[in-house]
Amino acid sequence: MIRFQADADLNHTILLATIRRVPTLDFKSAADARLAGLSDMEVLAFASEQERILVTHDSKTMPRHFGDFVNRARSAGVVIVPQSLPISRAADDLLLIASATNPDEWINRIMFLPI
């Protein structure tokens, strides 16, 4: 089963809209995981240790840090959501990922929404 981890810069409304549609979805907030103030590498390590796909808006530094991370460790995957993407579309795409893929397909994979 796919599990998501929001990072500290993700619009919390995306998380809320997604779990409102599927309340059983395992989508952990950055606050619950205490990710505020951590570096990208620390966030990637945490998400991977928890076997959660990291969901972020950070399209500037995260792709580079993701590349560095997967050269040294195994990642559970990253989804980058453009800030311009409507919240409903982001939630739809995340739910499609959760329903149509499995965690093994996300190992060391990065994807930019929209699908």
N, C-alpha and C. Protein backbone atom coordinates (compact mmCIF):
# COMPACT_ATOMS: atom_id res chain seq x y z
N MET A 1 0.83 -1.18 0.00
CA MET A 1 0.00 0.00 0.00
C MET A 1 0.88 1.25 0.00
N ILE A 2 0.53 2.20 -0.85
CA ILE A 2 1.26 3.46 -0.94
C ILE A 2 1.01 4.29 0.32
N ARG A 3 2.10 4.87 0.83
CA ARG A 3 2.02 5.78 1.97
C ARG A 3 2.76 7.06 1.58
N PHE A 4 2.17 8.20 1.90
CA PHE A 4 2.75 9.49 1.54
C PHE A 4 3.26 10.21 2.77
N GLN A 5 4.29 11.05 2.53
CA GLN A 5 4.83 11.94 3.55
C GLN A 5 4.90 13.34 2.96
N ALA A 6 4.17 14.29 3.54
CA ALA A 6 4.26 15.68 3.11
C ALA A 6 5.53 16.29 3.69
N ASP A 7 6.20 17.13 2.89
CA ASP A 7 7.31 17.86 3.49
C ASP A 7 6.80 19.21 3.98
N ALA A 8 7.66 19.96 4.62
CA ALA A 8 7.24 21.18 5.31
C ALA A 8 6.74 22.27 4.37
N ASP A 9 7.13 22.24 3.10
CA ASP A 9 6.66 23.30 2.21
C ASP A 9 5.40 22.93 1.43
N LEU A 10 4.90 21.72 1.57
CA LEU A 10 3.69 21.33 0.84
C LEU A 10 2.47 22.04 1.43
N ASN A 11 1.65 22.58 0.55
CA ASN A 11 0.40 23.21 0.97
C ASN A 11 -0.45 22.16 1.70
N HIS A 12 -0.69 22.40 2.97
CA HIS A 12 -1.40 21.44 3.81
C HIS A 12 -2.81 21.13 3.28
N THR A 13 -3.37 22.05 2.53
CA THR A 13 -4.70 21.82 1.96
C THR A 13 -4.70 20.66 0.98
N ILE A 14 -3.58 20.41 0.32
CA ILE A 14 -3.49 19.26 -0.59
C ILE A 14 -3.63 17.97 0.22
N LEU A 15 -2.92 17.89 1.33
CA LEU A 15 -3.03 16.72 2.20
C LEU A 15 -4.48 16.56 2.66
N LEU A 16 -5.09 17.63 3.14
CA LEU A 16 -6.47 17.56 3.64
C LEU A 16 -7.46 17.16 2.55
N ALA A 17 -7.31 17.72 1.36
CA ALA A 17 -8.21 17.37 0.26
C ALA A 17 -8.06 15.91 -0.15
N THR A 18 -6.85 15.42 -0.10
CA THR A 18 -6.60 14.02 -0.48
C THR A 18 -7.20 13.06 0.53
N ILE A 19 -6.95 13.30 1.81
CA ILE A 19 -7.49 12.36 2.81
C ILE A 19 -8.99 12.57 3.05
N ARG A 20 -9.51 13.72 2.69
CA ARG A 20 -10.96 13.91 2.76
C ARG A 20 -11.66 12.98 1.77
N ARG A 21 -11.03 12.78 0.62
CA ARG A 21 -11.62 11.91 -0.41
C ARG A 21 -11.45 10.44 -0.07
N VAL A 22 -10.31 10.10 0.52
CA VAL A 22 -10.05 8.71 0.93
C VAL A 22 -9.49 8.75 2.35
N PRO A 23 -10.38 8.71 3.35
CA PRO A 23 -9.94 8.86 4.74
C PRO A 23 -8.97 7.79 5.22
N THR A 24 -8.95 6.64 4.57
CA THR A 24 -8.06 5.57 5.00
C THR A 24 -6.65 5.70 4.42
N LEU A 25 -6.44 6.66 3.54
CA LEU A 25 -5.12 6.87 2.94
C LEU A 25 -4.12 7.28 4.02
N ASP A 26 -2.95 6.69 3.99
CA ASP A 26 -1.90 6.99 4.96
C ASP A 26 -1.04 8.12 4.39
N PHE A 27 -1.35 9.35 4.79
CA PHE A 27 -0.67 10.55 4.31
C PHE A 27 -0.30 11.36 5.54
N LYS A 28 0.96 11.30 5.91
CA LYS A 28 1.44 11.94 7.14
C LYS A 28 1.86 13.38 6.87
N SER A 29 1.47 14.26 7.75
CA SER A 29 1.84 15.67 7.61
C SER A 29 3.28 15.90 8.06
N ALA A 30 3.84 17.00 7.60
CA ALA A 30 5.19 17.38 8.02
C ALA A 30 5.23 17.68 9.50
N ALA A 31 4.15 18.29 10.01
CA ALA A 31 4.09 18.60 11.45
C ALA A 31 4.10 17.33 12.27
N ASP A 32 3.32 16.34 11.86
CA ASP A 32 3.29 15.06 12.60
C ASP A 32 4.65 14.38 12.59
N ALA A 33 5.38 14.55 11.50
CA ALA A 33 6.70 13.92 11.38
C ALA A 33 7.82 14.81 11.91
N ARG A 34 7.50 16.03 12.29
CA ARG A 34 8.48 16.99 12.80
C ARG A 34 9.61 17.25 11.80
N LEU A 35 9.20 17.60 10.58
CA LEU A 35 10.17 17.81 9.51
C LEU A 35 10.63 19.25 9.36
N ALA A 36 9.94 20.18 9.99
CA ALA A 36 10.31 21.60 9.85
C ALA A 36 11.75 21.82 10.27
N GLY A 37 12.48 22.54 9.44
CA GLY A 37 13.86 22.87 9.75
C GLY A 37 14.88 21.84 9.32
N LEU A 38 14.43 20.67 8.84
CA LEU A 38 15.37 19.65 8.38
C LEU A 38 15.82 19.94 6.95
N SER A 39 17.01 19.49 6.61
CA SER A 39 17.51 19.63 5.25
C SER A 39 16.77 18.67 4.33
N ASP A 40 16.88 18.93 3.02
CA ASP A 40 16.26 18.02 2.05
C ASP A 40 16.77 16.59 2.24
N MET A 41 18.06 16.44 2.46
CA MET A 41 18.62 15.09 2.62
C MET A 41 18.05 14.39 3.86
N GLU A 42 17.87 15.15 4.93
CA GLU A 42 17.28 14.56 6.15
C GLU A 42 15.82 14.19 5.92
N VAL A 43 15.09 15.02 5.19
CA VAL A 43 13.69 14.72 4.88
C VAL A 43 13.60 13.48 4.00
N LEU A 44 14.46 13.40 2.99
CA LEU A 44 14.48 12.22 2.12
C LEU A 44 14.81 10.96 2.92
N ALA A 45 15.76 11.06 3.82
CA ALA A 45 16.14 9.91 4.64
C ALA A 45 14.98 9.48 5.53
N PHE A 46 14.31 10.45 6.16
CA PHE A 46 13.18 10.13 7.02
C PHE A 46 12.08 9.43 6.22
N ALA A 47 11.69 10.02 5.08
CA ALA A 47 10.62 9.43 4.27
C ALA A 47 10.99 8.02 3.83
N SER A 48 12.23 7.83 3.43
CA SER A 48 12.65 6.51 2.98
C SER A 48 12.68 5.49 4.11
N GLU A 49 13.14 5.91 5.29
CA GLU A 49 13.14 5.02 6.45
C GLU A 49 11.72 4.59 6.81
N GLN A 50 10.77 5.50 6.61
CA GLN A 50 9.37 5.22 6.91
C GLN A 50 8.66 4.55 5.73
N GLU A 51 9.37 4.36 4.63
CA GLU A 51 8.82 3.78 3.40
C GLU A 51 7.62 4.57 2.91
N ARG A 52 7.80 5.89 2.85
CA ARG A 52 6.77 6.81 2.40
C ARG A 52 7.27 7.60 1.20
N ILE A 53 6.40 7.81 0.24
CA ILE A 53 6.71 8.67 -0.90
C ILE A 53 6.63 10.11 -0.42
N LEU A 54 7.68 10.86 -0.63
CA LEU A 54 7.72 12.26 -0.21
C LEU A 54 6.95 13.10 -1.22
N VAL A 55 6.06 13.96 -0.73
CA VAL A 55 5.28 14.86 -1.58
C VAL A 55 5.71 16.29 -1.24
N THR A 56 6.13 17.04 -2.25
CA THR A 56 6.72 18.36 -2.04
C THR A 56 6.36 19.31 -3.16
N HIS A 57 6.49 20.59 -2.89
CA HIS A 57 6.41 21.63 -3.93
C HIS A 57 7.81 22.00 -4.42
N ASP A 58 8.84 21.56 -3.76
CA ASP A 58 10.22 22.01 -3.99
C ASP A 58 10.79 21.45 -5.29
N SER A 59 10.58 22.19 -6.37
CA SER A 59 11.13 21.76 -7.66
C SER A 59 12.50 22.35 -7.94
N LYS A 60 12.96 23.21 -7.05
CA LYS A 60 14.27 23.86 -7.26
C LYS A 60 15.42 23.03 -6.71
N THR A 61 15.34 22.62 -5.45
CA THR A 61 16.47 21.91 -4.85
C THR A 61 16.23 20.41 -4.69
N MET A 62 14.97 20.00 -4.56
CA MET A 62 14.71 18.59 -4.28
C MET A 62 15.19 17.64 -5.39
N PRO A 63 14.99 17.95 -6.68
CA PRO A 63 15.49 17.00 -7.69
C PRO A 63 16.99 16.73 -7.57
N ARG A 64 17.77 17.79 -7.34
CA ARG A 64 19.23 17.60 -7.20
C ARG A 64 19.56 16.79 -5.94
N HIS A 65 18.91 17.13 -4.84
CA HIS A 65 19.16 16.39 -3.60
C HIS A 65 18.67 14.95 -3.71
N PHE A 66 17.58 14.75 -4.42
CA PHE A 66 17.09 13.39 -4.65
C PHE A 66 18.13 12.58 -5.42
N GLY A 67 18.70 13.18 -6.47
CA GLY A 67 19.74 12.50 -7.23
C GLY A 67 20.94 12.13 -6.38
N ASP A 68 21.36 13.05 -5.53
CA ASP A 68 22.47 12.77 -4.62
C ASP A 68 22.10 11.66 -3.63
N PHE A 69 20.87 11.72 -3.15
CA PHE A 69 20.42 10.74 -2.15
C PHE A 69 20.40 9.32 -2.73
N VAL A 70 19.84 9.16 -3.93
CA VAL A 70 19.72 7.82 -4.49
C VAL A 70 21.06 7.25 -4.93
N ASN A 71 22.09 8.10 -5.04
CA ASN A 71 23.43 7.59 -5.30
C ASN A 71 24.03 6.91 -4.08
N ARG A 72 23.47 7.20 -2.90
CA ARG A 72 24.01 6.65 -1.65
C ARG A 72 23.04 5.73 -0.92
N ALA A 73 21.75 5.88 -1.18
CA ALA A 73 20.75 5.14 -0.40
C ALA A 73 19.54 4.85 -1.29
N ARG A 74 18.66 4.07 -0.77
CA ARG A 74 17.43 3.72 -1.47
C ARG A 74 16.32 4.70 -1.05
N SER A 75 15.65 5.25 -2.03
CA SER A 75 14.55 6.18 -1.75
C SER A 75 13.21 5.50 -1.98
N ALA A 76 12.23 5.90 -1.19
CA ALA A 76 10.86 5.41 -1.38
C ALA A 76 10.14 6.20 -2.46
N GLY A 77 10.79 7.22 -3.01
CA GLY A 77 10.22 7.99 -4.11
C GLY A 77 9.83 9.40 -3.70
N VAL A 78 9.67 10.24 -4.72
CA VAL A 78 9.30 11.64 -4.52
C VAL A 78 8.29 12.04 -5.59
N VAL A 79 7.28 12.79 -5.17
CA VAL A 79 6.32 13.42 -6.08
C VAL A 79 6.43 14.92 -5.88
N ILE A 80 6.67 15.64 -6.98
CA ILE A 80 6.75 17.09 -6.92
C ILE A 80 5.47 17.68 -7.51
N VAL A 81 4.82 18.49 -6.71
CA VAL A 81 3.55 19.11 -7.07
C VAL A 81 3.81 20.59 -7.36
N PRO A 82 3.61 21.03 -8.60
CA PRO A 82 3.78 22.46 -8.86
C PRO A 82 2.79 23.28 -8.03
N GLN A 83 3.24 24.41 -7.53
CA GLN A 83 2.34 25.25 -6.73
C GLN A 83 1.18 25.79 -7.56
N SER A 84 1.35 25.83 -8.87
CA SER A 84 0.29 26.32 -9.75
C SER A 84 -0.79 25.27 -10.02
N LEU A 85 -0.53 24.02 -9.67
CA LEU A 85 -1.51 22.96 -9.92
C LEU A 85 -2.68 23.12 -8.96
N PRO A 86 -3.91 23.12 -9.48
CA PRO A 86 -5.06 23.23 -8.59
C PRO A 86 -5.07 22.12 -7.54
N ILE A 87 -5.51 22.46 -6.35
CA ILE A 87 -5.52 21.50 -5.25
C ILE A 87 -6.31 20.25 -5.60
N SER A 88 -7.45 20.42 -6.24
CA SER A 88 -8.26 19.24 -6.59
C SER A 88 -7.53 18.33 -7.57
N ARG A 89 -6.78 18.90 -8.50
CA ARG A 89 -6.02 18.09 -9.46
C ARG A 89 -4.87 17.37 -8.76
N ALA A 90 -4.20 18.06 -7.83
CA ALA A 90 -3.12 17.42 -7.08
C ALA A 90 -3.67 16.24 -6.28
N ALA A 91 -4.80 16.44 -5.61
CA ALA A 91 -5.41 15.36 -4.83
C ALA A 91 -5.81 14.20 -5.74
N ASP A 92 -6.40 14.51 -6.89
CA ASP A 92 -6.79 13.45 -7.84
C ASP A 92 -5.57 12.64 -8.28
N ASP A 93 -4.49 13.33 -8.62
CA ASP A 93 -3.29 12.63 -9.08
C ASP A 93 -2.66 11.78 -7.98
N LEU A 94 -2.63 12.30 -6.77
CA LEU A 94 -2.08 11.51 -5.65
C LEU A 94 -2.94 10.28 -5.39
N LEU A 95 -4.24 10.42 -5.49
CA LEU A 95 -5.12 9.26 -5.29
C LEU A 95 -4.96 8.25 -6.42
N LEU A 96 -4.71 8.73 -7.63
CA LEU A 96 -4.45 7.81 -8.74
C LEU A 96 -3.16 7.04 -8.49
N ILE A 97 -2.14 7.73 -8.03
CA ILE A 97 -0.87 7.06 -7.68
C ILE A 97 -1.12 6.00 -6.61
N ALA A 98 -1.87 6.36 -5.59
CA ALA A 98 -2.13 5.43 -4.48
C ALA A 98 -2.93 4.21 -4.92
N SER A 99 -3.84 4.40 -5.85
CA SER A 99 -4.71 3.28 -6.24
C SER A 99 -4.14 2.44 -7.38
N ALA A 100 -3.27 3.02 -8.19
CA ALA A 100 -2.83 2.32 -9.39
C ALA A 100 -1.37 1.85 -9.36
N THR A 101 -0.64 2.16 -8.29
CA THR A 101 0.75 1.75 -8.21
C THR A 101 1.01 1.07 -6.88
N ASN A 102 2.18 0.46 -6.77
CA ASN A 102 2.58 -0.13 -5.50
C ASN A 102 3.94 0.44 -5.10
N PRO A 103 4.30 0.32 -3.84
CA PRO A 103 5.55 0.94 -3.36
C PRO A 103 6.80 0.53 -4.13
N ASP A 104 6.87 -0.70 -4.60
CA ASP A 104 8.06 -1.14 -5.33
C ASP A 104 8.29 -0.35 -6.61
N GLU A 105 7.22 0.17 -7.20
CA GLU A 105 7.35 0.95 -8.43
C GLU A 105 7.96 2.33 -8.17
N TRP A 106 8.01 2.74 -6.91
CA TRP A 106 8.48 4.08 -6.56
C TRP A 106 9.91 4.12 -6.05
N ILE A 107 10.54 2.99 -5.91
CA ILE A 107 11.91 2.98 -5.41
C ILE A 107 12.80 3.78 -6.36
N ASN A 108 13.46 4.79 -5.77
CA ASN A 108 14.39 5.66 -6.50
C ASN A 108 13.75 6.38 -7.68
N ARG A 109 12.46 6.66 -7.58
CA ARG A 109 11.73 7.33 -8.67
C ARG A 109 11.26 8.71 -8.21
N ILE A 110 11.34 9.65 -9.15
CA ILE A 110 10.81 10.99 -8.92
C ILE A 110 9.82 11.30 -10.04
N MET A 111 8.72 11.94 -9.67
CA MET A 111 7.69 12.27 -10.65
C MET A 111 7.19 13.69 -10.40
N PHE A 112 6.95 14.39 -11.48
CA PHE A 112 6.36 15.72 -11.42
C PHE A 112 4.89 15.61 -11.81
N LEU A 113 4.01 16.19 -11.01
CA LEU A 113 2.60 16.25 -11.39
C LEU A 113 2.42 17.46 -12.30
N PRO A 114 1.38 17.49 -13.13
CA PRO A 114 0.30 16.52 -13.23
C PRO A 114 0.73 15.27 -13.99
N ILE A 115 -0.02 14.22 -13.73
CA ILE A 115 0.25 12.94 -14.41
C ILE A 115 -0.19 13.08 -15.85
